[in-house]
Amino acid sequence: MEYEEFKKIFKEEIEKINEPIKEEQIKKFYEYMLLLKDWNEKINLTAITEEKDIIIKHFIDSLTINKYLKDNEKVIDVGTGAGFPGIPIKIINDKINMDLLDSLNKRINFLNEVKEKCEIENINCIHSRIEDFAIKNREKYDVATSRAVAKLAVLLEYLLPVVKKDGICICMKSNKAEEEIKEAQKALEILGGKIEKTEEFLLPGTDIERTIIIVRKVKNTPEKYPRKAGIPSKKPII
């Protein structure tokens, strides 16, 4: 796909979520897409490879949470994979301080190249498991987010320990999440979270269901959480 066609499609799609965008930002998204497609031939980054699908299912999907973020906040994207939602958010809002965390070093190498080639500042790419990272980074962030990483009860054990009291977790789910929310009640109580808002919608221009769950941290998370690597997913708090 040539740049002019990409720009036309991108502008049409981003208007559907009421996000303003500048030409220089569209150029960064285009470069990001080219890098994603190139690296995806070497390492498994995404099953979504058609250009329009990348625009809608990765870029626009990631940007649906931008309205919940404020300038100068410190944000961490846990299990970022190929950089979603963290990099699209950072391209749109350069006033946010963004950390990208992933447990696979090959992905971190990719993210560092995107950061360099797309000239994205105030973004750090960190190679670690969240269970290990949280030990030295407790209550450091205003916002923690994650996209399609784990069920809510598990995800809360990953995210809440690194969020400041009164901060939020933005949990991006790929479908309706009533059952996950029910299962997560014990985890919310123990870890110090409270669901503030649930937003269900169809990804613009598609019939793909999305749910965003906003969890406010109302009290400090006990220091025993998160438990050692692998335990939260094997023995969730339910």
Protein backbone atom coordinates (compact mmCIF):
# COMPACT_ATOMS: atom_id res chain seq x y z
CA MET A 1 0.00 0.00 0.00
CA GLU A 2 1.40 3.40 -1.03
CA TYR A 3 1.45 6.23 1.48
CA GLU A 4 -1.34 8.31 -0.08
CA GLU A 5 -3.77 5.39 0.02
CA PHE A 6 -2.73 4.63 3.61
CA LYS A 7 -3.30 8.26 4.59
CA LYS A 8 -6.77 8.34 3.03
CA ILE A 9 -7.89 5.16 4.82
CA PHE A 10 -6.29 6.13 8.12
CA LYS A 11 -7.95 9.57 8.17
CA GLU A 12 -11.35 8.04 7.36
CA GLU A 13 -11.02 5.48 10.16
CA ILE A 14 -9.64 7.77 12.85
CA GLU A 15 -12.47 10.27 12.28
CA LYS A 16 -14.87 7.54 13.47
CA ILE A 17 -13.34 7.72 16.96
CA ASN A 18 -13.05 11.54 16.93
CA GLU A 19 -9.27 11.64 17.30
CA PRO A 20 -7.49 14.55 15.57
CA ILE A 21 -4.29 13.67 13.74
CA LYS A 22 -1.48 15.52 11.98
CA GLU A 23 0.28 14.59 8.76
CA GLU A 24 3.58 13.89 10.56
CA GLN A 25 1.77 11.43 12.85
CA ILE A 26 0.21 9.59 9.90
CA LYS A 27 3.72 9.25 8.43
CA LYS A 28 4.87 7.62 11.67
CA PHE A 29 1.98 5.17 11.59
CA TYR A 30 2.86 4.30 7.99
CA GLU A 31 6.51 3.66 8.89
CA TYR A 32 5.33 1.59 11.88
CA MET A 33 3.14 -0.54 9.59
CA LEU A 34 6.02 -1.16 7.17
CA LEU A 35 8.31 -2.21 10.03
CA LEU A 36 5.62 -4.48 11.46
CA LYS A 37 5.14 -6.25 8.12
CA ASP A 38 8.88 -6.57 7.55
CA TRP A 39 9.71 -7.93 11.02
CA ASN A 40 6.67 -10.21 10.99
CA GLU A 41 8.39 -12.26 8.29
CA LYS A 42 11.24 -12.95 10.74
CA ILE A 43 9.46 -13.26 14.10
CA ASN A 44 5.81 -13.84 14.95
CA LEU A 45 4.42 -10.42 15.86
CA THR A 46 0.88 -10.52 14.49
CA ALA A 47 -1.55 -12.72 12.60
CA ILE A 48 -3.06 -9.55 11.13
CA THR A 49 -1.10 -8.70 7.98
CA GLU A 50 -3.49 -6.94 5.56
CA GLU A 51 -2.80 -3.21 5.58
CA LYS A 52 -6.39 -2.05 6.17
CA ASP A 53 -6.77 -4.63 8.95
CA ILE A 54 -3.58 -3.34 10.59
CA ILE A 55 -5.01 0.18 10.50
CA ILE A 56 -8.37 -0.80 12.03
CA LYS A 57 -7.61 -3.81 14.24
CA HIS A 58 -4.29 -2.59 15.62
CA PHE A 59 -3.93 1.19 15.25
CA ILE A 60 -7.54 2.40 15.65
CA ASP A 61 -8.30 -0.26 18.25
CA SER A 62 -5.33 0.90 20.33
CA LEU A 63 -6.43 4.53 20.09
CA THR A 64 -9.90 3.84 21.51
CA ILE A 65 -8.40 4.23 25.03
CA ASN A 66 -6.62 7.53 24.37
CA LYS A 67 -9.59 9.51 25.73
CA TYR A 68 -8.96 8.00 29.18
CA LEU A 69 -5.38 9.32 29.34
CA LYS A 70 -4.13 12.73 30.47
CA ASP A 71 -1.04 14.72 29.49
CA ASN A 72 2.13 14.01 31.48
CA GLU A 73 0.82 10.78 33.00
CA LYS A 74 3.24 7.90 33.45
CA VAL A 75 1.77 4.89 31.62
CA ILE A 76 2.86 1.26 31.30
CA ASP A 77 1.65 -1.11 28.59
CA VAL A 78 2.02 -4.64 29.98
CA GLY A 79 2.49 -7.51 27.53
CA THR A 80 2.75 -4.99 24.73
CA GLY A 81 3.73 -7.55 22.04
CA ALA A 82 4.17 -5.60 18.82
CA GLY A 83 3.52 -2.34 20.67
CA PHE A 84 -0.24 -2.26 21.11
CA PRO A 85 -1.76 -0.11 22.49
CA GLY A 86 1.34 1.78 23.71
CA ILE A 87 3.01 2.93 20.49
CA PRO A 88 -0.13 4.21 18.71
CA ILE A 89 -1.05 6.15 21.86
CA LYS A 90 2.44 7.64 22.07
CA ILE A 91 2.38 8.69 18.41
CA ILE A 92 -0.91 10.52 18.98
CA ASN A 93 -0.02 11.98 22.38
CA ASP A 94 3.65 12.83 22.79
CA LYS A 95 3.02 14.38 26.23
CA ILE A 96 2.47 10.97 27.81
CA ASN A 97 5.44 9.11 29.33
CA MET A 98 5.15 5.52 28.11
CA ASP A 99 6.87 2.29 29.15
CA LEU A 100 6.38 -0.85 27.05
CA LEU A 101 6.90 -4.15 28.86
CA ASP A 102 7.25 -7.55 27.23
CA SER A 103 8.77 -10.87 28.27
CA LEU A 104 10.20 -11.72 24.83
CA ASN A 105 13.45 -9.96 23.92
CA LYS A 106 12.89 -10.34 20.16
CA ARG A 107 9.80 -8.17 20.49
CA ILE A 108 11.75 -5.59 22.49
CA ASN A 109 14.33 -5.43 19.67
CA PHE A 110 11.49 -4.74 17.24
CA LEU A 111 10.00 -2.06 19.49
CA ASN A 112 13.36 -0.33 19.83
CA GLU A 113 13.67 -0.16 16.05
CA VAL A 114 10.16 1.32 15.78
CA LYS A 115 11.09 3.86 18.47
CA GLU A 116 14.23 4.84 16.53
CA LYS A 117 12.86 4.82 12.97
CA CYS A 118 9.61 6.59 13.90
CA GLU A 119 11.47 9.06 16.15
CA ILE A 120 9.28 8.48 19.20
CA GLU A 121 10.56 10.16 22.38
CA ASN A 122 9.81 9.51 26.07
CA ILE A 123 9.13 5.82 25.51
CA ASN A 124 11.06 2.95 27.12
CA CYS A 125 11.05 -0.67 25.96
CA ILE A 126 11.59 -3.05 28.88
CA HIS A 127 12.37 -6.76 28.70
CA SER A 128 10.84 -8.45 31.76
CA ARG A 129 7.98 -10.48 33.09
CA ILE A 130 5.53 -8.26 34.92
CA GLU A 131 5.73 -10.42 38.07
CA ASP A 132 9.47 -9.67 38.32
CA PHE A 133 9.22 -6.05 37.18
CA ALA A 134 6.55 -5.21 39.79
CA ILE A 135 8.85 -6.04 42.70
CA LYS A 136 10.99 -2.92 42.14
CA ASN A 137 8.34 -0.77 40.49
CA ARG A 138 5.41 -0.82 42.87
CA GLU A 139 2.90 2.01 42.61
CA LYS A 140 5.06 3.86 40.09
CA TYR A 141 2.49 4.50 37.35
CA ASP A 142 -0.59 6.66 36.95
CA VAL A 143 -2.02 4.20 34.41
CA ALA A 144 -1.38 0.57 33.52
CA THR A 145 -2.97 -0.91 30.42
CA SER A 146 -2.98 -4.21 28.58
CA ARG A 147 -4.65 -5.49 25.45
CA ALA A 148 -5.93 -9.07 25.15
CA VAL A 149 -3.29 -10.51 27.51
CA ALA A 150 -5.20 -12.49 30.17
CA LYS A 151 -8.56 -12.90 31.86
CA LEU A 152 -9.46 -10.01 34.13
CA ALA A 153 -8.72 -11.75 37.46
CA VAL A 154 -5.18 -12.54 36.26
CA LEU A 155 -4.70 -9.19 34.57
CA LEU A 156 -5.52 -7.30 37.75
CA GLU A 157 -2.74 -9.11 39.58
CA TYR A 158 -0.35 -7.97 36.86
CA LEU A 159 -1.49 -4.35 36.69
CA LEU A 160 -2.71 -3.14 40.07
CA PRO A 161 0.59 -3.57 41.97
CA VAL A 162 2.41 -1.12 39.67
CA VAL A 163 -0.34 1.53 39.73
CA LYS A 164 -0.38 4.37 42.26
CA LYS A 165 -3.32 4.63 44.63
CA ASP A 166 -6.09 6.58 42.79
CA GLY A 167 -4.50 5.57 39.47
CA ILE A 168 -6.31 3.40 36.93
CA CYS A 169 -5.96 0.17 35.00
CA ILE A 170 -7.34 0.17 31.47
CA CYS A 171 -8.14 -3.42 30.54
CA MET A 172 -8.80 -3.94 26.83
CA LYS A 173 -10.86 -7.03 26.09
CA SER A 174 -11.69 -8.54 22.71
CA ASN A 175 -15.31 -9.35 23.56
CA LYS A 176 -18.02 -8.85 26.16
CA ALA A 177 -16.65 -9.47 29.62
CA GLU A 178 -19.56 -10.06 32.02
CA GLU A 179 -18.25 -13.47 33.10
CA GLU A 180 -14.70 -12.21 33.56
CA ILE A 181 -15.97 -9.34 35.70
CA LYS A 182 -17.95 -11.74 37.90
CA GLU A 183 -14.92 -14.00 38.30
CA ALA A 184 -12.71 -11.03 39.18
CA GLN A 185 -14.67 -9.78 42.21
CA LYS A 186 -12.40 -11.49 44.74
CA ALA A 187 -9.28 -10.24 42.93
CA LEU A 188 -10.64 -6.69 42.93
CA GLU A 189 -11.28 -6.81 46.67
CA ILE A 190 -7.91 -8.32 47.59
CA LEU A 191 -5.79 -6.26 45.20
CA GLY A 192 -7.45 -2.92 45.96
CA GLY A 193 -9.35 -2.22 42.75
CA LYS A 194 -12.86 -1.04 41.94
CA ILE A 195 -14.49 -1.10 38.52
CA GLU A 196 -15.26 2.49 37.60
CA LYS A 197 -16.58 2.04 34.08
CA THR A 198 -17.21 -0.62 31.45
CA GLU A 199 -17.48 0.48 27.83
CA GLU A 200 -18.78 -1.98 25.23
CA PHE A 201 -18.71 -1.08 21.53
CA LEU A 202 -18.12 -2.35 18.02
CA LEU A 203 -14.76 -1.47 16.51
CA PRO A 204 -15.65 1.28 14.01
CA GLY A 205 -16.55 -0.03 10.56
CA THR A 206 -16.64 -3.66 11.73
CA ASP A 207 -18.82 -6.10 13.67
CA ILE A 208 -15.94 -6.84 16.07
CA GLU A 209 -16.89 -6.54 19.75
CA ARG A 210 -14.64 -4.68 22.13
CA THR A 211 -14.86 -3.99 25.87
CA ILE A 212 -12.81 -1.50 27.87
CA ILE A 213 -12.82 -1.95 31.65
CA ILE A 214 -11.58 0.95 33.77
CA VAL A 215 -10.44 -0.14 37.24
CA ARG A 216 -9.64 2.50 39.84
CA LYS A 217 -7.06 1.62 42.51
CA VAL A 218 -8.82 2.55 45.76
CA LYS A 219 -6.35 1.05 48.25
CA ASN A 220 -2.78 -0.20 48.29
CA THR A 221 -2.14 -3.70 46.95
CA PRO A 222 -0.71 -6.12 49.55
CA GLU A 223 3.02 -6.60 49.00
CA LYS A 224 2.68 -10.35 48.40
CA TYR A 225 1.15 -9.52 44.99
CA PRO A 226 1.94 -10.18 42.24
CA ARG A 227 3.04 -13.68 43.14
CA LYS A 228 6.03 -15.34 41.48
CA ALA A 229 6.17 -15.64 37.70
CA GLY A 230 3.61 -18.06 36.30
CA ILE A 231 1.52 -18.42 39.46
CA PRO A 232 -1.11 -15.70 38.71
CA SER A 233 -2.10 -17.45 35.47
CA LYS A 234 -2.00 -20.96 36.98
CA LYS A 235 -3.79 -20.07 40.22
CA PRO A 236 -5.87 -16.93 39.64
CA ILE A 237 -7.52 -15.16 42.58
CA ILE A 238 -11.09 -16.32 42.03
